[in-house]
Protein backbone atom coordinates (compact mmCIF):
# COMPACT_ATOMS: atom_id res chain seq x y z
CA MET A 1 -0.89 -28.07 -17.03
CA SER A 2 1.79 -25.65 -15.83
CA GLU A 3 3.42 -26.03 -12.41
CA PHE A 4 1.97 -22.68 -11.37
CA ASN A 5 -1.60 -23.72 -12.24
CA LYS A 6 -1.02 -27.02 -10.44
CA TYR A 7 0.19 -25.11 -7.37
CA CYS A 8 -2.91 -22.90 -7.38
CA GLU A 9 -5.25 -25.90 -7.70
CA GLU A 10 -3.54 -27.75 -4.85
CA ALA A 11 -3.71 -24.65 -2.67
CA ALA A 12 -7.41 -24.20 -3.42
CA ASP A 13 -8.16 -27.76 -2.25
CA VAL A 14 -7.14 -26.94 1.33
CA ASP A 15 -10.01 -25.76 3.52
CA LEU A 16 -8.83 -22.51 5.11
CA PRO A 17 -11.26 -19.63 5.76
CA SER A 18 -10.61 -16.80 3.34
CA SER A 19 -12.18 -13.63 2.06
CA GLU A 20 -11.93 -15.37 -1.29
CA ASP A 21 -14.54 -17.84 -0.01
CA GLU A 22 -17.11 -15.15 0.68
CA GLU A 23 -20.05 -14.76 -1.66
CA GLU A 24 -18.80 -12.60 -4.47
CA ILE A 25 -20.26 -9.12 -4.74
CA VAL A 26 -21.09 -7.91 -8.22
CA ASP A 27 -18.60 -5.29 -9.31
CA GLU A 28 -17.22 -3.76 -12.50
CA ASP A 29 -15.20 -0.85 -13.87
CA THR A 30 -16.80 2.57 -14.19
CA CYS A 31 -15.29 3.07 -17.66
CA ASN A 32 -14.53 1.02 -20.75
CA ALA A 33 -11.21 -0.70 -21.46
CA GLN A 34 -9.82 2.11 -23.61
CA GLU A 35 -10.66 4.79 -21.06
CA LEU A 36 -9.09 2.62 -18.35
CA ALA A 37 -5.88 2.26 -20.36
CA ASP A 38 -5.79 6.02 -20.93
CA LYS A 39 -6.18 6.74 -17.22
CA PHE A 40 -3.77 4.09 -15.88
CA GLN A 41 -0.94 4.58 -18.34
CA ILE A 42 1.63 2.61 -16.32
CA LYS A 43 1.14 -1.13 -16.83
CA TYR A 44 2.70 -3.59 -14.40
CA LYS A 45 2.98 -7.32 -15.01
CA PRO A 46 4.51 -10.08 -12.87
CA LEU A 47 8.26 -10.21 -13.30
CA ASP A 48 8.55 -13.26 -11.05
CA GLU A 49 6.41 -15.25 -8.63
CA CYS A 50 7.07 -17.83 -5.93
CA GLY A 51 4.69 -19.91 -3.83
CA VAL A 52 5.46 -20.03 -0.12
CA SER A 53 3.87 -23.41 0.55
CA LEU A 54 1.91 -26.22 -1.05
CA GLN A 55 -0.50 -25.82 1.86
CA ARG A 56 -3.00 -23.01 1.66
CA GLU A 57 -1.30 -20.37 3.75
CA TYR A 58 -1.69 -16.63 3.68
CA VAL A 59 1.23 -14.26 3.34
CA LEU A 60 0.37 -11.85 6.14
CA SER A 61 3.44 -9.62 6.20
CA LEU A 62 6.46 -8.74 4.09
CA ASP A 63 9.78 -7.02 4.71
CA ALA A 64 12.97 -6.40 2.74
CA ASP A 65 16.50 -5.58 3.74
CA ARG A 66 17.77 -2.09 2.94
CA GLY A 67 19.21 -3.14 -0.42
CA PHE A 68 16.13 -5.16 -1.44
CA SER A 69 18.34 -8.21 -1.94
CA ARG A 70 16.29 -10.41 0.38
CA ILE A 71 12.55 -10.67 1.08
CA ALA A 72 10.95 -12.17 4.20
CA ALA A 73 7.34 -13.39 4.04
CA GLY A 74 5.50 -14.04 7.32
CA LEU A 75 2.83 -16.72 7.00
CA SER A 76 -0.46 -17.53 8.69
CA SER A 77 1.13 -20.69 10.16
CA SER A 78 3.81 -18.57 11.98
CA ALA A 79 6.45 -19.87 9.54
CA VAL A 80 8.57 -17.49 7.48
CA GLN A 81 9.81 -17.99 3.91
CA ILE A 82 12.96 -16.09 2.91
CA PHE A 83 13.74 -15.27 -0.72
CA ASN A 84 16.82 -13.87 -2.38
CA MET A 85 16.06 -11.23 -5.02
CA ASP A 86 18.68 -10.46 -7.67
CA ASP A 87 19.35 -7.13 -9.37
CA GLY A 88 16.80 -7.96 -12.06
CA GLY A 89 14.04 -8.67 -9.52
CA LYS A 90 14.07 -12.46 -9.85
CA LEU A 91 13.29 -14.53 -6.75
CA ALA A 92 14.98 -17.65 -5.42
CA ASN A 93 14.10 -19.67 -2.30
CA PHE A 94 16.80 -19.09 0.31
CA SER A 95 15.63 -20.22 3.74
CA PHE A 96 12.58 -21.45 5.61
CA LEU A 97 11.98 -20.64 9.28
CA PRO A 98 9.54 -23.26 10.60
CA ALA A 99 6.27 -22.59 12.38
CA THR A 100 5.96 -22.79 16.14
CA GLU A 101 4.52 -25.92 17.69
CA LYS A 102 1.32 -24.10 18.66
CA LYS A 103 -1.25 -24.61 15.91
CA VAL A 104 -3.30 -21.44 16.42
CA VAL A 105 -0.34 -19.05 16.23
CA SER A 106 0.41 -16.83 13.23
CA THR A 107 2.98 -14.16 12.47
CA CYS A 108 2.25 -10.57 13.52
CA GLY A 109 5.16 -9.18 11.52
CA VAL A 110 8.63 -9.83 10.10
CA LYS A 111 11.49 -7.33 10.14
CA PHE A 112 15.11 -7.33 9.08
CA LEU A 113 16.96 -6.13 12.17
CA ASP A 114 19.48 -3.83 10.51
CA ASP A 115 20.66 -2.71 7.10
CA GLY A 116 22.04 -6.15 6.26
CA PRO A 117 20.16 -9.19 4.91
CA ASP A 118 21.07 -11.75 7.59
CA ASN A 119 19.33 -10.90 10.87
CA VAL A 120 15.54 -11.31 10.91
CA LEU A 121 12.99 -10.68 13.65
CA VAL A 122 9.78 -12.73 13.61
CA GLY A 123 6.85 -11.69 15.76
CA THR A 124 4.15 -14.24 16.59
CA THR A 125 0.75 -13.93 18.19
CA ASP A 126 1.74 -16.13 21.13
CA GLY A 127 3.63 -13.16 22.57
CA TYR A 128 7.17 -13.74 21.29
CA VAL A 129 9.61 -12.01 18.97
CA ARG A 130 12.34 -14.37 17.80
CA LEU A 131 15.70 -13.30 16.38
CA TYR A 132 17.33 -15.40 13.66
CA ASP A 133 20.70 -15.16 11.95
CA LEU A 134 20.14 -16.70 8.53
CA ARG A 135 23.79 -17.77 8.39
CA VAL A 136 23.34 -20.21 11.27
CA LYS A 137 20.68 -22.69 12.34
CA GLY A 138 18.18 -21.97 15.09
CA GLU A 139 17.16 -18.92 17.14
CA LEU A 140 19.67 -16.42 18.47
CA ALA A 141 17.30 -14.87 20.99
CA ARG A 142 13.68 -14.79 22.07
CA PHE A 143 11.93 -11.72 23.50
CA HIS A 144 8.84 -12.09 25.70
CA TYR A 145 7.08 -9.84 28.20
CA GLU A 146 8.07 -10.52 31.79
CA LYS A 147 6.03 -8.90 34.50
CA GLN A 148 8.09 -6.99 37.03
CA SER A 149 7.42 -7.54 40.72
CA ASN A 150 6.32 -3.93 41.27
CA GLU A 151 3.89 -3.87 38.31
CA VAL A 152 0.17 -4.05 38.96
CA PRO A 153 -1.20 -4.81 35.44
CA PRO A 154 -1.46 -8.50 34.52
CA ALA A 155 0.84 -9.87 31.83
CA PRO A 156 -0.37 -9.67 28.23
CA LYS A 157 -0.65 -12.97 26.39
CA SER A 158 -0.37 -11.88 22.77
CA PHE A 159 1.67 -9.56 20.56
CA THR A 160 -0.32 -7.96 17.75
CA ALA A 161 2.33 -5.80 16.04
CA PHE A 162 5.99 -4.89 16.45
CA ASP A 163 8.86 -2.94 14.91
CA ARG A 164 12.55 -2.27 15.50
CA ASN A 165 14.03 1.22 15.55
CA ALA A 166 16.34 2.81 12.99
CA ASN A 167 19.59 1.70 14.62
CA GLY A 168 18.40 -1.84 15.35
CA ARG A 169 18.86 -1.39 19.10
CA VAL A 170 15.25 -1.35 20.33
CA ILE A 171 12.19 -3.50 19.64
CA CYS A 172 8.69 -2.25 20.51
CA CYS A 173 5.79 -4.71 20.65
CA GLY A 174 2.10 -3.87 20.90
CA THR A 175 -0.36 -6.18 22.63
CA ASP A 176 -4.03 -6.91 22.54
CA GLN A 177 -6.29 -5.77 25.34
CA HIS A 178 -5.91 -8.03 28.36
CA MET A 179 -8.08 -7.45 31.43
CA SER A 180 -8.57 -3.79 30.38
CA ASN A 181 -4.84 -3.24 29.89
CA VAL A 182 -2.91 -2.59 26.68
CA PHE A 183 0.89 -2.56 26.56
CA LEU A 184 3.74 -1.23 24.48
CA VAL A 185 6.70 -3.38 25.53
CA PHE A 186 10.31 -2.38 24.78
CA PHE A 187 13.32 -4.69 24.50
CA ASP A 188 17.04 -4.03 24.18
CA VAL A 189 18.26 -6.18 21.29
CA ARG A 190 21.95 -6.19 22.18
CA GLU A 191 21.51 -6.89 25.87
CA ARG A 192 18.61 -9.32 25.25
CA ARG A 193 16.53 -7.77 28.01
CA GLN A 194 13.20 -6.09 28.61
CA MET A 195 13.64 -2.34 28.96
CA GLY A 196 10.26 -1.02 30.00
CA VAL A 197 6.54 -0.74 29.32
CA TYR A 198 4.06 1.95 28.32
CA CYS A 199 0.53 1.09 29.42
CA ASP A 200 -1.49 4.32 29.70
CA SER A 201 -1.64 5.63 26.12
CA HIS A 202 -3.98 3.11 24.45
CA GLU A 203 -7.16 1.42 25.64
CA ASP A 204 -7.73 -1.21 22.94
CA ASP A 205 -5.73 -3.66 20.82
CA ILE A 206 -2.58 -2.22 19.24
CA THR A 207 -2.77 -2.72 15.46
CA SER A 208 0.32 -0.90 14.18
CA VAL A 209 3.76 -0.04 15.60
CA ARG A 210 6.10 2.05 13.42
CA PHE A 211 9.48 3.56 14.23
CA HIS A 212 10.71 6.46 12.12
CA SER A 213 13.07 5.25 9.40
CA GLN A 214 15.84 7.69 10.42
CA ASN A 215 15.16 8.91 13.97
CA PRO A 216 15.62 5.91 16.32
CA ASP A 217 13.69 7.61 19.14
CA LEU A 218 10.55 8.54 17.20
CA LEU A 219 7.69 6.04 17.36
CA THR A 220 4.06 6.04 16.27
CA THR A 221 1.43 3.52 17.31
CA GLY A 222 -2.22 2.96 16.41
CA SER A 223 -5.04 0.90 17.84
CA ILE A 224 -8.60 -0.32 17.41
CA GLU A 225 -9.83 2.61 19.53
CA GLY A 226 -8.79 4.93 16.68
CA LEU A 227 -5.94 6.78 18.39
CA ILE A 228 -2.57 7.47 16.76
CA ASN A 229 0.12 8.27 19.32
CA VAL A 230 3.58 9.70 18.67
CA PHE A 231 6.34 9.07 21.22
CA ASP A 232 9.89 10.26 21.83
CA ILE A 233 11.12 7.15 23.66
CA LYS A 234 14.31 8.76 24.98
CA GLN A 235 12.21 10.78 27.46
CA PRO A 236 12.22 9.70 31.13
CA ASP A 237 8.63 8.47 31.42
CA GLU A 238 5.55 7.70 29.36
CA ASP A 239 3.80 11.03 29.98
CA GLU A 240 6.79 13.03 28.74
CA ALA A 241 7.42 10.61 25.88
CA LEU A 242 3.93 11.15 24.46
CA LEU A 243 4.37 14.00 21.97
CA ASN A 244 1.02 13.96 20.22
CA THR A 245 -2.27 12.09 19.95
CA VAL A 246 -4.62 12.10 16.96
CA ASN A 247 -8.12 10.68 17.00
CA THR A 248 -8.94 9.22 13.57
CA GLU A 249 -12.56 8.60 14.63
CA SER A 250 -12.17 5.14 13.15
CA SER A 251 -10.04 2.05 13.84
CA VAL A 252 -6.39 2.08 12.80
CA ALA A 253 -5.17 -0.77 10.61
CA ARG A 254 -1.81 0.37 9.20
CA LEU A 255 0.53 3.34 9.81
CA ARG A 256 3.41 4.60 7.66
CA TRP A 257 5.93 7.45 7.81
CA HIS A 258 6.33 9.95 4.95
CA ARG A 259 7.91 13.39 4.38
CA ASN A 260 6.23 16.26 2.58
CA VAL A 261 7.77 18.91 0.29
CA TYR A 262 8.59 21.05 3.34
CA ASP A 263 10.61 18.17 4.84
CA LYS A 264 8.06 17.64 7.61
CA ASP A 265 7.18 14.20 8.93
CA ILE A 266 3.76 12.92 7.88
CA ILE A 267 2.01 9.87 9.31
CA SER A 268 -0.45 8.07 7.06
CA CYS A 269 -3.19 5.81 8.33
CA ILE A 270 -5.24 3.14 6.60
CA THR A 271 -8.28 2.34 8.70
CA THR A 272 -10.00 -1.00 9.14
CA THR A 273 -12.77 0.31 6.88
CA SER A 274 -10.23 1.11 4.09
CA ASP A 275 -10.29 4.88 4.49
CA PHE A 276 -7.03 6.82 4.06
CA LYS A 277 -5.94 9.65 6.34
CA SER A 278 -2.66 11.47 6.91
CA TYR A 279 -1.50 13.90 9.58
CA GLU A 280 1.43 16.19 10.34
CA CYS A 281 3.50 14.56 13.02
CA GLU A 282 4.25 17.63 15.13
CA GLU A 283 0.92 19.47 15.09
CA GLY A 284 -1.44 16.60 14.34
CA ASP A 285 -3.19 18.59 11.60
CA GLU A 286 -5.02 16.51 9.01
CA VAL A 287 -3.31 16.56 5.60
CA HIS A 288 -5.44 14.12 3.59
CA SER A 289 -8.71 12.33 4.15
CA PHE A 290 -10.21 9.98 1.56
CA GLU A 291 -13.06 7.69 2.48
CA ARG A 292 -13.49 4.22 1.04
CA PRO A 293 -15.87 5.31 -1.77
CA ASP A 294 -13.40 8.04 -2.79
CA VAL A 295 -10.56 5.57 -3.36
CA THR A 296 -12.93 3.06 -4.98
CA ALA A 297 -13.95 5.70 -7.52
CA ALA A 298 -10.31 6.67 -8.08
CA ILE A 299 -9.38 3.12 -9.17
CA ARG A 300 -12.45 3.21 -11.43
CA ARG A 301 -14.54 0.56 -9.66
CA LYS A 302 -18.24 0.75 -8.81
CA ASN A 303 -18.76 -1.17 -5.58
CA ALA A 304 -17.04 0.18 -2.47
CA ALA A 305 -18.21 -2.86 -0.47
CA ASN A 306 -15.85 -5.00 -2.54
CA PHE A 307 -12.83 -2.72 -2.10
CA ASN A 308 -9.55 -3.21 -0.16
CA LEU A 309 -7.03 -0.46 0.56
CA ILE A 310 -3.75 -2.34 0.95
CA ASN A 311 -0.87 0.05 1.54
CA ALA A 312 0.66 3.50 1.10
CA HIS A 313 4.14 3.73 -0.43
CA ASN A 314 6.76 6.45 -0.85
CA GLN A 315 7.96 7.14 -4.37
CA GLU A 316 11.49 8.22 -5.19
CA ASP A 317 10.32 11.79 -5.93
CA GLY A 318 8.76 12.02 -2.46
CA GLU A 319 5.15 11.55 -3.55
CA VAL A 320 2.90 8.86 -2.09
CA PHE A 321 0.78 6.30 -3.90
CA LEU A 322 -1.94 4.00 -2.60
CA LEU A 323 -2.16 0.35 -3.60
CA ALA A 324 -5.76 -0.87 -3.75
CA GLY A 325 -7.66 -3.92 -4.89
CA THR A 326 -11.00 -5.69 -4.69
CA ASN A 327 -12.30 -9.13 -3.83
CA PHE A 328 -13.70 -9.38 -7.36
CA ASN A 329 -12.69 -12.62 -9.10
CA LYS A 330 -10.43 -13.57 -6.16
CA GLY A 331 -8.41 -10.38 -6.19
CA GLU A 332 -7.98 -9.94 -9.93
CA ILE A 333 -8.22 -6.14 -9.74
CA LEU A 334 -5.08 -4.44 -8.39
CA ARG A 335 -4.39 -0.75 -9.09
CA SER A 336 -2.61 2.25 -7.64
CA VAL A 337 -3.42 5.95 -7.37
CA ASN A 338 -1.19 8.89 -6.65
CA VAL A 339 -1.95 11.17 -3.67
CA SER A 340 -1.39 14.61 -5.19
CA ALA A 341 -0.40 17.82 -3.44
CA LYS A 342 -3.80 19.18 -4.49
CA LYS A 343 -5.42 16.61 -2.18
CA GLU A 344 -6.71 14.58 -5.10
CA LEU A 345 -6.33 10.94 -6.09
CA GLN A 346 -4.95 10.48 -9.59
CA PRO A 347 -4.84 7.14 -11.47
CA LEU A 348 -1.30 5.78 -11.58
CA ALA A 349 -0.81 2.09 -12.48
CA ASN A 350 -2.74 -1.04 -13.38
CA PHE A 351 -1.39 -4.42 -12.24
CA GLN A 352 -2.38 -7.10 -14.73
CA ASP A 353 -2.67 -10.85 -14.12
CA ASN A 354 -2.98 -10.62 -10.35
CA LYS A 355 -3.86 -14.04 -8.88
CA GLN A 356 -4.79 -13.35 -5.27
CA ILE A 357 -6.24 -10.97 -2.72
CA VAL A 358 -3.18 -9.01 -1.59
CA ARG A 359 -2.47 -8.64 2.14
CA ASP A 360 0.83 -6.74 2.16
CA SER A 361 3.24 -5.02 -0.22
CA LEU A 362 6.72 -3.53 -0.49
CA PHE A 363 7.98 -0.94 -2.96
CA ASP A 364 11.56 -0.55 -4.18
CA SER A 365 11.46 3.05 -5.40
CA LYS A 366 14.93 2.91 -6.97
CA ARG A 367 14.05 0.09 -9.37
CA GLY A 368 10.30 0.74 -9.49
CA LEU A 369 9.56 -2.82 -8.33
CA LEU A 370 6.51 -3.72 -6.24
CA VAL A 371 6.42 -6.91 -4.17
CA THR A 372 3.07 -8.32 -3.01
CA GLY A 373 1.94 -11.27 -0.90
CA GLY A 374 -1.53 -12.50 -0.12
CA GLU A 375 -4.20 -15.08 0.48
CA SER A 376 -3.11 -17.60 -2.15
CA GLY A 377 0.36 -17.83 -0.62
CA ILE A 378 2.17 -16.21 -3.54
CA VAL A 379 4.97 -13.62 -3.43
CA THR A 380 4.94 -11.61 -6.66
CA VAL A 381 7.49 -9.14 -7.99
CA TRP A 382 5.87 -6.58 -10.31
CA SER A 383 7.70 -4.55 -12.94
CA ALA A 384 6.52 -1.95 -15.45
CA GLU A 385 9.39 -2.75 -17.80
CA SER A 386 9.12 -6.53 -18.04
CA SER A 387 5.70 -7.27 -19.55
CA GLY A 388 7.18 -10.03 -21.72
CA ASN A 389 8.79 -11.96 -18.87
CA ALA A 390 6.89 -14.86 -17.38
CA PRO A 391 7.60 -16.13 -13.88
CA SER A 392 9.66 -19.28 -13.53
CA SER A 393 7.19 -22.08 -12.89
CA ASP A 394 9.57 -24.27 -10.90
CA LYS A 395 9.91 -21.57 -8.24
CA LEU A 396 6.25 -21.84 -7.34
CA LYS A 397 7.00 -25.09 -5.54
CA SER A 398 7.81 -24.38 -1.94
CA LYS A 399 11.13 -25.52 -0.61
CA LYS A 400 10.49 -27.88 2.28
CA GLU A 401 12.49 -27.51 5.45
CA LYS A 402 15.56 -29.62 6.03
CA LYS A 403 16.96 -31.39 8.85
CA SER A 404 7.79 1.36 37.86
CA ARG A 405 5.32 0.63 34.68
CA LYS A 406 5.61 4.23 33.39
CA LYS A 407 9.38 4.36 33.37
CA ALA A 408 10.93 5.10 30.00
CA PRO A 409 12.28 2.04 28.18
CA TYR A 410 15.78 3.60 28.28
């Protein structure tokens, strides 16, 4: 038995609730194998794979440094596994950031602080964002909401999402709803202090916080209530900072920034029901809208109830593709479709030999590499050019650890 198969069997023996444990829904392709190969002409296979733990832990979130030389995987235990990735896309265990002492806490995101591979931010659902320098042991700083004496709203107890801005100076954290209040909390990274709070723009749990990749002052946030807000955080107060609000008429799960052919900023939204929508940032006009059955049909599957829309990624030519999968056979089906300028979904790639239900993904457009993490605790690097390469089995063993409320944030 290979080490990888042994890892998967040991992981499956641990009793952790999972969508993989749900009663499987009957599903199949809408075309035969030859037609499928003709439609999805790009074939991806695993270039390398690493397990994050011998315990059954989910990979909930992924991030990479600017050069894609290091990958951070946030786990359901609140621990973080760090991998080095070489020029060929091979992974190697680099560092392990241990879980917090609280047993019911998980990560709500991981982010490299700046362009380099050494400083990592880890957000956890107990209401903290911790800063680590991977060159030294222990935390450098810890950010947590502190109620000001003149603030009426009660303190939130949990962070649900966070991001850092383009220059690595500001962190914004979203909270869950606490006593009818929802917060966006801002911190100054260099001065290690809380800067301010927005608390009037959302009414339900924040699910996504995304700074623009180039403009450090431009922020978008989404929530369970279905609103997408766009802020210019350099403005003097929350009312002036709020540039635009879009009602998706659903619940927001994941937001991303894109640019169209006219060099305008586009915000894409994946809803909690696996619909895909996108909007112009400035005007709020809808650009694309594909419901769950539309994307299910585009990846050539029959049963929309078994479908998961995972992520939206920017390609090097500026186009956007959607990564989608199903719960069928524990996540075996993983495919992508291109979002065309004609507002159509076109088959793009088929990912073969997938071993888990995928929770998050990264795309290196320069090398054409996709990185996925999911419910079996595996980080996979996918390549279209390396179908003959098998992942190194010894890497699938996890490396154990060694010894006034509306004021603008700035």
